[in-house]
Amino acid sequence: MALPYSTRDPYFRTCRYTGRMNQRKLFWLLVSAISTVVGFALPLIWGLVATIPILAVCWWIVYRSDWF
């Protein structure tokens, strides 16, 4: 019995690719939004240091949490 959506189906590939693109867009949108807020709230050095945890949190939210 064939699965309704196989990897050979071009529609399935398009949806999967679009999902990856949406994840990438959401990741950079979150990073930009949070970094902007942090940039205004903290001094320059602390804002630069806070970039690494911001990247880690945004990566976890978008790619690992299964929320999106």
PDB file of N, CA and C in Angstrom:
ATOM      1  N   MET A   1       0.841  -1.172   0.000  1.00  0.00           N
ATOM      2  CA  MET A   1       0.000   0.000   0.000  1.00  0.00           C
ATOM      3  C   MET A   1       0.895   1.247   0.000  1.00  0.00           C
ATOM      4  N   ALA A   2       0.625   2.144  -0.894  1.00  0.00           N
ATOM      5  CA  ALA A   2       1.431   3.364  -1.020  1.00  0.00           C
ATOM      6  C   ALA A   2       0.958   4.413  -0.007  1.00  0.00           C
ATOM      7  N   LEU A   3       1.895   5.169   0.477  1.00  0.00           N
ATOM      8  CA  LEU A   3       1.555   6.263   1.377  1.00  0.00           C
ATOM      9  C   LEU A   3       0.925   7.404   0.587  1.00  0.00           C
ATOM     10  N   PRO A   4       0.032   8.169   1.187  1.00  0.00           N
ATOM     11  CA  PRO A   4      -0.620   9.253   0.452  1.00  0.00           C
ATOM     12  C   PRO A   4       0.371  10.318  -0.024  1.00  0.00           C
ATOM     13  N   TYR A   5       1.432  10.542   0.739  1.00  0.00           N
ATOM     14  CA  TYR A   5       2.434  11.517   0.331  1.00  0.00           C
ATOM     15  C   TYR A   5       3.784  10.817   0.300  1.00  0.00           C
ATOM     16  N   SER A   6       4.266  10.576  -0.855  1.00  0.00           N
ATOM     17  CA  SER A   6       5.561   9.923  -0.967  1.00  0.00           C
ATOM     18  C   SER A   6       6.624  10.970  -1.267  1.00  0.00           C
ATOM     19  N   THR A   7       7.864  10.610  -1.045  1.00  0.00           N
ATOM     20  CA  THR A   7       8.950  11.553  -1.302  1.00  0.00           C
ATOM     21  C   THR A   7       9.147  11.787  -2.787  1.00  0.00           C
ATOM     22  N   ARG A   8       8.550  10.958  -3.614  1.00  0.00           N
ATOM     23  CA  ARG A   8       8.634  11.162  -5.064  1.00  0.00           C
ATOM     24  C   ARG A   8       7.595  12.162  -5.566  1.00  0.00           C
ATOM     25  N   ASP A   9       6.620  12.447  -4.756  1.00  0.00           N
ATOM     26  CA  ASP A   9       5.558  13.375  -5.120  1.00  0.00           C
ATOM     27  C   ASP A   9       6.104  14.804  -5.115  1.00  0.00           C
ATOM     28  N   PRO A  10       6.051  15.531  -6.236  1.00  0.00           N
ATOM     29  CA  PRO A  10       6.602  16.887  -6.272  1.00  0.00           C
ATOM     30  C   PRO A  10       5.886  17.847  -5.321  1.00  0.00           C
ATOM     31  N   TYR A  11       4.592  17.646  -5.067  1.00  0.00           N
ATOM     32  CA  TYR A  11       3.876  18.510  -4.134  1.00  0.00           C
ATOM     33  C   TYR A  11       4.435  18.346  -2.725  1.00  0.00           C
ATOM     34  N   PHE A  12       4.726  17.116  -2.348  1.00  0.00           N
ATOM     35  CA  PHE A  12       5.294  16.846  -1.023  1.00  0.00           C
ATOM     36  C   PHE A  12       6.643  17.536  -0.881  1.00  0.00           C
ATOM     37  N   ARG A  13       7.469  17.472  -1.900  1.00  0.00           N
ATOM     38  CA  ARG A  13       8.779  18.121  -1.847  1.00  0.00           C
ATOM     39  C   ARG A  13       8.628  19.631  -1.706  1.00  0.00           C
ATOM     40  N   THR A  14       7.687  20.204  -2.434  1.00  0.00           N
ATOM     41  CA  THR A  14       7.468  21.645  -2.369  1.00  0.00           C
ATOM     42  C   THR A  14       7.022  22.054  -0.973  1.00  0.00           C
ATOM     43  N   CYS A  15       6.118  21.315  -0.369  1.00  0.00           N
ATOM     44  CA  CYS A  15       5.644  21.642   0.974  1.00  0.00           C
ATOM     45  C   CYS A  15       6.778  21.520   1.985  1.00  0.00           C
ATOM     46  N   ARG A  16       7.580  20.476   1.837  1.00  0.00           N
ATOM     47  CA  ARG A  16       8.679  20.294   2.770  1.00  0.00           C
ATOM     48  C   ARG A  16       9.691  21.420   2.625  1.00  0.00           C
ATOM     49  N   TYR A  17       9.990  21.822   1.399  1.00  0.00           N
ATOM     50  CA  TYR A  17      10.930  22.915   1.157  1.00  0.00           C
ATOM     51  C   TYR A  17      10.365  24.223   1.679  1.00  0.00           C
ATOM     52  N   THR A  18       9.091  24.472   1.456  1.00  0.00           N
ATOM     53  CA  THR A  18       8.463  25.691   1.944  1.00  0.00           C
ATOM     54  C   THR A  18       8.487  25.735   3.467  1.00  0.00           C
ATOM     55  N   GLY A  19       8.309  24.585   4.112  1.00  0.00           N
ATOM     56  CA  GLY A  19       8.387  24.530   5.563  1.00  0.00           C
ATOM     57  C   GLY A  19       9.759  24.926   6.065  1.00  0.00           C
ATOM     58  N   ARG A  20      10.799  24.482   5.375  1.00  0.00           N
ATOM     59  CA  ARG A  20      12.157  24.856   5.764  1.00  0.00           C
ATOM     60  C   ARG A  20      12.386  26.343   5.568  1.00  0.00           C
ATOM     61  N   MET A  21      11.877  26.873   4.480  1.00  0.00           N
ATOM     62  CA  MET A  21      12.040  28.305   4.228  1.00  0.00           C
ATOM     63  C   MET A  21      11.301  29.117   5.288  1.00  0.00           C
ATOM     64  N   ASN A  22      10.115  28.664   5.669  1.00  0.00           N
ATOM     65  CA  ASN A  22       9.362  29.374   6.702  1.00  0.00           C
ATOM     66  C   ASN A  22      10.083  29.316   8.045  1.00  0.00           C
ATOM     67  N   GLN A  23      10.698  28.174   8.344  1.00  0.00           N
ATOM     68  CA  GLN A  23      11.471  28.076   9.582  1.00  0.00           C
ATOM     69  C   GLN A  23      12.631  29.046   9.566  1.00  0.00           C
ATOM     70  N   ARG A  24      13.327  29.124   8.439  1.00  0.00           N
ATOM     71  CA  ARG A  24      14.468  30.037   8.338  1.00  0.00           C
ATOM     72  C   ARG A  24      14.030  31.486   8.482  1.00  0.00           C
ATOM     73  N   LYS A  25      12.919  31.841   7.835  1.00  0.00           N
ATOM     74  CA  LYS A  25      12.408  33.211   7.945  1.00  0.00           C
ATOM     75  C   LYS A  25      11.991  33.532   9.377  1.00  0.00           C
ATOM     76  N   LEU A  26      11.320  32.596  10.026  1.00  0.00           N
ATOM     77  CA  LEU A  26      10.890  32.812  11.399  1.00  0.00           C
ATOM     78  C   LEU A  26      12.095  32.946  12.321  1.00  0.00           C
ATOM     79  N   PHE A  27      13.124  32.132  12.099  1.00  0.00           N
ATOM     80  CA  PHE A  27      14.333  32.222  12.916  1.00  0.00           C
ATOM     81  C   PHE A  27      14.946  33.607  12.816  1.00  0.00           C
ATOM     82  N   TRP A  28      15.148  34.101  11.610  1.00  0.00           N
ATOM     83  CA  TRP A  28      15.783  35.409  11.453  1.00  0.00           C
ATOM     84  C   TRP A  28      14.864  36.545  11.900  1.00  0.00           C
ATOM     85  N   LEU A  29      13.569  36.371  11.774  1.00  0.00           N
ATOM     86  CA  LEU A  29      12.633  37.375  12.279  1.00  0.00           C
ATOM     87  C   LEU A  29      12.725  37.479  13.801  1.00  0.00           C
ATOM     88  N   LEU A  30      12.748  36.331  14.479  1.00  0.00           N
ATOM     89  CA  LEU A  30      12.878  36.338  15.939  1.00  0.00           C
ATOM     90  C   LEU A  30      14.211  36.926  16.374  1.00  0.00           C
ATOM     91  N   VAL A  31      15.292  36.527  15.710  1.00  0.00           N
ATOM     92  CA  VAL A  31      16.612  37.052  16.059  1.00  0.00           C
ATOM     93  C   VAL A  31      16.636  38.566  15.883  1.00  0.00           C
ATOM     94  N   SER A  32      16.094  39.052  14.787  1.00  0.00           N
ATOM     95  CA  SER A  32      16.086  40.502  14.538  1.00  0.00           C
ATOM     96  C   SER A  32      15.250  41.248  15.571  1.00  0.00           C
ATOM     97  N   ALA A  33      14.074  40.723  15.870  1.00  0.00           N
ATOM     98  CA  ALA A  33      13.188  41.403  16.818  1.00  0.00           C
ATOM     99  C   ALA A  33      13.790  41.442  18.224  1.00  0.00           C
ATOM    100  N   ILE A  34      14.278  40.306  18.683  1.00  0.00           N
ATOM    101  CA  ILE A  34      14.841  40.263  20.035  1.00  0.00           C
ATOM    102  C   ILE A  34      16.120  41.081  20.109  1.00  0.00           C
ATOM    103  N   SER A  35      16.954  41.013  19.073  1.00  0.00           N
ATOM    104  CA  SER A  35      18.199  41.784  19.067  1.00  0.00           C
ATOM    105  C   SER A  35      17.929  43.282  19.056  1.00  0.00           C
ATOM    106  N   THR A  36      16.892  43.707  18.378  1.00  0.00           N
ATOM    107  CA  THR A  36      16.539  45.125  18.360  1.00  0.00           C
ATOM    108  C   THR A  36      16.129  45.594  19.756  1.00  0.00           C
ATOM    109  N   VAL A  37      15.308  44.806  20.413  1.00  0.00           N
ATOM    110  CA  VAL A  37      14.889  45.160  21.775  1.00  0.00           C
ATOM    111  C   VAL A  37      16.097  45.201  22.708  1.00  0.00           C
ATOM    112  N   VAL A  38      16.959  44.182  22.615  1.00  0.00           N
ATOM    113  CA  VAL A  38      18.150  44.128  23.461  1.00  0.00           C
ATOM    114  C   VAL A  38      19.097  45.273  23.129  1.00  0.00           C
ATOM    115  N   GLY A  39      19.194  45.627  21.858  1.00  0.00           N
ATOM    116  CA  GLY A  39      20.059  46.721  21.452  1.00  0.00           C
ATOM    117  C   GLY A  39      19.666  48.055  22.061  1.00  0.00           C
ATOM    118  N   PHE A  40      18.378  48.266  22.231  1.00  0.00           N
ATOM    119  CA  PHE A  40      17.918  49.498  22.867  1.00  0.00           C
ATOM    120  C   PHE A  40      17.975  49.427  24.391  1.00  0.00           C
ATOM    121  N   ALA A  41      17.835  48.237  24.939  1.00  0.00           N
ATOM    122  CA  ALA A  41      17.743  48.095  26.388  1.00  0.00           C
ATOM    123  C   ALA A  41      19.101  47.994  27.079  1.00  0.00           C
ATOM    124  N   LEU A  42      20.104  47.460  26.385  1.00  0.00           N
ATOM    125  CA  LEU A  42      21.403  47.217  27.003  1.00  0.00           C
ATOM    126  C   LEU A  42      22.492  48.061  26.347  1.00  0.00           C
ATOM    127  N   PRO A  43      23.585  48.280  27.054  1.00  0.00           N
ATOM    128  CA  PRO A  43      24.736  48.940  26.425  1.00  0.00           C
ATOM    129  C   PRO A  43      25.317  48.070  25.300  1.00  0.00           C
ATOM    130  N   LEU A  44      26.165  48.668  24.487  1.00  0.00           N
ATOM    131  CA  LEU A  44      26.691  47.999  23.292  1.00  0.00           C
ATOM    132  C   LEU A  44      27.374  46.675  23.611  1.00  0.00           C
ATOM    133  N   ILE A  45      28.269  46.658  24.559  1.00  0.00           N
ATOM    134  CA  ILE A  45      29.016  45.431  24.856  1.00  0.00           C
ATOM    135  C   ILE A  45      28.084  44.321  25.335  1.00  0.00           C
ATOM    136  N   TRP A  46      27.137  44.660  26.224  1.00  0.00           N
ATOM    137  CA  TRP A  46      26.203  43.647  26.709  1.00  0.00           C
ATOM    138  C   TRP A  46      25.277  43.165  25.593  1.00  0.00           C
ATOM    139  N   GLY A  47      24.930  44.062  24.707  1.00  0.00           N
ATOM    140  CA  GLY A  47      24.104  43.659  23.568  1.00  0.00           C
ATOM    141  C   GLY A  47      24.823  42.680  22.664  1.00  0.00           C
ATOM    142  N   LEU A  48      26.114  42.923  22.433  1.00  0.00           N
ATOM    143  CA  LEU A  48      26.894  41.992  21.611  1.00  0.00           C
ATOM    144  C   LEU A  48      27.070  40.645  22.302  1.00  0.00           C
ATOM    145  N   VAL A  49      27.311  40.681  23.603  1.00  0.00           N
ATOM    146  CA  VAL A  49      27.461  39.433  24.361  1.00  0.00           C
ATOM    147  C   VAL A  49      26.139  38.659  24.393  1.00  0.00           C
ATOM    148  N   ALA A  50      25.030  39.358  24.450  1.00  0.00           N
ATOM    149  CA  ALA A  50      23.715  38.715  24.508  1.00  0.00           C
ATOM    150  C   ALA A  50      23.305  38.089  23.182  1.00  0.00           C
ATOM    151  N   THR A  51      24.037  38.347  22.116  1.00  0.00           N
ATOM    152  CA  THR A  51      23.676  37.810  20.805  1.00  0.00           C
ATOM    153  C   THR A  51      23.756  36.283  20.773  1.00  0.00           C
ATOM    154  N   ILE A  52      24.750  35.705  21.415  1.00  0.00           N
ATOM    155  CA  ILE A  52      24.902  34.247  21.384  1.00  0.00           C
ATOM    156  C   ILE A  52      23.730  33.545  22.075  1.00  0.00           C
ATOM    157  N   PRO A  53      23.341  33.938  23.284  1.00  0.00           N
ATOM    158  CA  PRO A  53      22.146  33.302  23.867  1.00  0.00           C
ATOM    159  C   PRO A  53      20.870  33.563  23.065  1.00  0.00           C
ATOM    160  N   ILE A  54      20.775  34.730  22.442  1.00  0.00           N
ATOM    161  CA  ILE A  54      19.602  35.017  21.605  1.00  0.00           C
ATOM    162  C   ILE A  54      19.540  34.042  20.445  1.00  0.00           C
ATOM    163  N   LEU A  55      20.664  33.808  19.787  1.00  0.00           N
ATOM    164  CA  LEU A  55      20.707  32.847  18.682  1.00  0.00           C
ATOM    165  C   LEU A  55      20.329  31.450  19.156  1.00  0.00           C
ATOM    166  N   ALA A  56      20.845  31.053  20.304  1.00  0.00           N
ATOM    167  CA  ALA A  56      20.549  29.718  20.833  1.00  0.00           C
ATOM    168  C   ALA A  56      19.066  29.551  21.158  1.00  0.00           C
ATOM    169  N   VAL A  57      18.484  30.553  21.805  1.00  0.00           N
ATOM    170  CA  VAL A  57      17.064  30.475  22.174  1.00  0.00           C
ATOM    171  C   VAL A  57      16.179  30.468  20.931  1.00  0.00           C
ATOM    172  N   CYS A  58      16.484  31.323  19.967  1.00  0.00           N
ATOM    173  CA  CYS A  58      15.681  31.371  18.735  1.00  0.00           C
ATOM    174  C   CYS A  58      15.803  30.068  17.959  1.00  0.00           C
ATOM    175  N   TRP A  59      16.999  29.501  17.907  1.00  0.00           N
ATOM    176  CA  TRP A  59      17.193  28.218  17.224  1.00  0.00           C
ATOM    177  C   TRP A  59      16.350  27.144  17.896  1.00  0.00           C
ATOM    178  N   TRP A  60      16.354  27.114  19.226  1.00  0.00           N
ATOM    179  CA  TRP A  60      15.585  26.097  19.934  1.00  0.00           C
ATOM    180  C   TRP A  60      14.090  26.285  19.695  1.00  0.00           C
ATOM    181  N   ILE A  61      13.622  27.519  19.753  1.00  0.00           N
ATOM    182  CA  ILE A  61      12.194  27.783  19.554  1.00  0.00           C
ATOM    183  C   ILE A  61      11.744  27.330  18.173  1.00  0.00           C
ATOM    184  N   VAL A  62      12.515  27.667  17.137  1.00  0.00           N
ATOM    185  CA  VAL A  62      12.074  27.405  15.768  1.00  0.00           C
ATOM    186  C   VAL A  62      12.311  25.958  15.353  1.00  0.00           C
ATOM    187  N   TYR A  63      13.471  25.409  15.650  1.00  0.00           N
ATOM    188  CA  TYR A  63      13.831  24.113  15.089  1.00  0.00           C
ATOM    189  C   TYR A  63      13.619  22.930  16.030  1.00  0.00           C
ATOM    190  N   ARG A  64      13.707  23.113  17.330  1.00  0.00           N
ATOM    191  CA  ARG A  64      13.668  21.975  18.236  1.00  0.00           C
ATOM    192  C   ARG A  64      12.397  21.854  19.064  1.00  0.00           C
ATOM    193  N   SER A  65      11.667  22.918  19.240  1.00  0.00           N
ATOM    194  CA  SER A  65      10.527  22.882  20.163  1.00  0.00           C
ATOM    195  C   SER A  65       9.267  22.275  19.552  1.00  0.00           C
ATOM    196  N   ASP A  66       9.206  22.132  18.234  1.00  0.00           N
ATOM    197  CA  ASP A  66       8.019  21.636  17.530  1.00  0.00           C
ATOM    198  C   ASP A  66       6.797  22.513  17.736  1.00  0.00           C
ATOM    199  N   TRP A  67       7.018  23.793  18.032  1.00  0.00           N
ATOM    200  CA  TRP A  67       5.910  24.720  18.119  1.00  0.00           C
ATOM    201  C   TRP A  67       5.458  25.172  16.738  1.00  0.00           C
ATOM    202  N   PHE A  68       6.392  25.171  15.777  1.00  0.00           N
ATOM    203  CA  PHE A  68       6.081  25.674  14.440  1.00  0.00           C
ATOM    204  C   PHE A  68       6.350  24.612  13.422  1.00  0.00           C
TER     205      PHE A  68
END
